[in-house]
Amino acid sequence: MGAKDSIKIHSDDKELLGFLEQVRALGSAVVEAGGMRYFVSVRTDAVSKTGREFLAGGGPAKID
């Protein structure tokens, strides 16, 4: 899975959504599961105003 792939989580999965919110509030966490340790980092996805304008415009970027 590449960095830009998405995983959709159903809104009924309250336990997983709660976990993601906790990790987002912390910034990152080490999670131990099944004898493995995982470094987990969560942040909300944001697009800059310039990026949003570019995506909405659908054309090449303007170079000033």
Protein backbone atom coordinates (compact mmCIF):
# COMPACT_ATOMS: atom_id res chain seq x y z
CA MET A 1 0.00 0.00 0.00
CA GLY A 2 1.51 3.32 -1.06
CA ALA A 3 1.50 6.55 0.93
CA LYS A 4 -1.45 7.91 -1.04
CA ASP A 5 -3.69 4.85 -0.71
CA SER A 6 -6.78 5.21 1.46
CA ILE A 7 -8.56 2.85 3.81
CA LYS A 8 -12.21 3.64 4.47
CA ILE A 9 -13.51 2.94 7.95
CA HIS A 10 -17.24 2.56 8.51
CA SER A 11 -18.67 5.14 10.93
CA ASP A 12 -20.11 2.29 13.03
CA ASP A 13 -16.59 1.14 13.96
CA LYS A 14 -16.51 3.30 17.11
CA GLU A 15 -13.60 1.45 18.73
CA LEU A 16 -11.26 2.01 15.78
CA LEU A 17 -12.38 5.62 15.34
CA GLY A 18 -11.73 6.21 19.05
CA PHE A 19 -8.26 4.68 18.73
CA LEU A 20 -7.44 6.91 15.75
CA GLU A 21 -8.65 9.98 17.63
CA GLN A 22 -6.48 9.09 20.64
CA VAL A 23 -3.38 8.65 18.47
CA ARG A 24 -4.16 11.89 16.58
CA ALA A 25 -4.36 13.75 19.90
CA LEU A 26 -1.01 12.28 20.96
CA GLY A 27 0.61 12.77 17.55
CA SER A 28 2.04 9.26 17.52
CA ALA A 29 2.18 6.09 19.62
CA VAL A 30 3.88 2.72 19.81
CA VAL A 31 1.28 -0.05 19.68
CA GLU A 32 2.00 -3.62 20.77
CA ALA A 33 -0.19 -6.25 19.10
CA GLY A 34 0.37 -9.94 18.46
CA GLY A 35 3.96 -9.85 19.69
CA MET A 36 4.84 -7.00 17.28
CA ARG A 37 5.47 -3.32 17.99
CA TYR A 38 4.13 -0.72 15.55
CA PHE A 39 4.87 2.98 15.40
CA VAL A 40 1.58 4.71 14.56
CA SER A 41 1.23 8.34 13.52
CA VAL A 42 -2.12 9.93 12.69
CA ARG A 43 -2.87 13.37 11.33
CA THR A 44 -5.83 14.86 9.54
CA ASP A 45 -5.53 15.32 5.81
CA ALA A 46 -5.31 18.94 4.68
CA VAL A 47 -4.88 20.65 1.34
CA SER A 48 -3.44 24.15 1.11
CA LYS A 49 -5.46 26.96 -0.47
CA THR A 50 -3.05 26.98 -3.42
CA GLY A 51 -3.32 23.22 -3.79
CA ARG A 52 -7.11 23.32 -3.59
CA GLU A 53 -7.24 26.05 -6.29
CA PHE A 54 -4.98 23.98 -8.52
CA LEU A 55 -7.06 20.84 -8.05
CA ALA A 56 -10.33 22.73 -8.61
CA GLY A 57 -8.95 24.45 -11.71
CA GLY A 58 -8.02 21.21 -13.44
CA GLY A 59 -5.26 22.82 -15.50
CA PRO A 60 -1.53 23.40 -15.34
CA ALA A 61 -0.12 25.36 -12.42
CA LYS A 62 0.46 29.08 -13.00
CA ILE A 63 4.07 30.13 -12.61
CA ASP A 64 4.51 33.73 -11.50
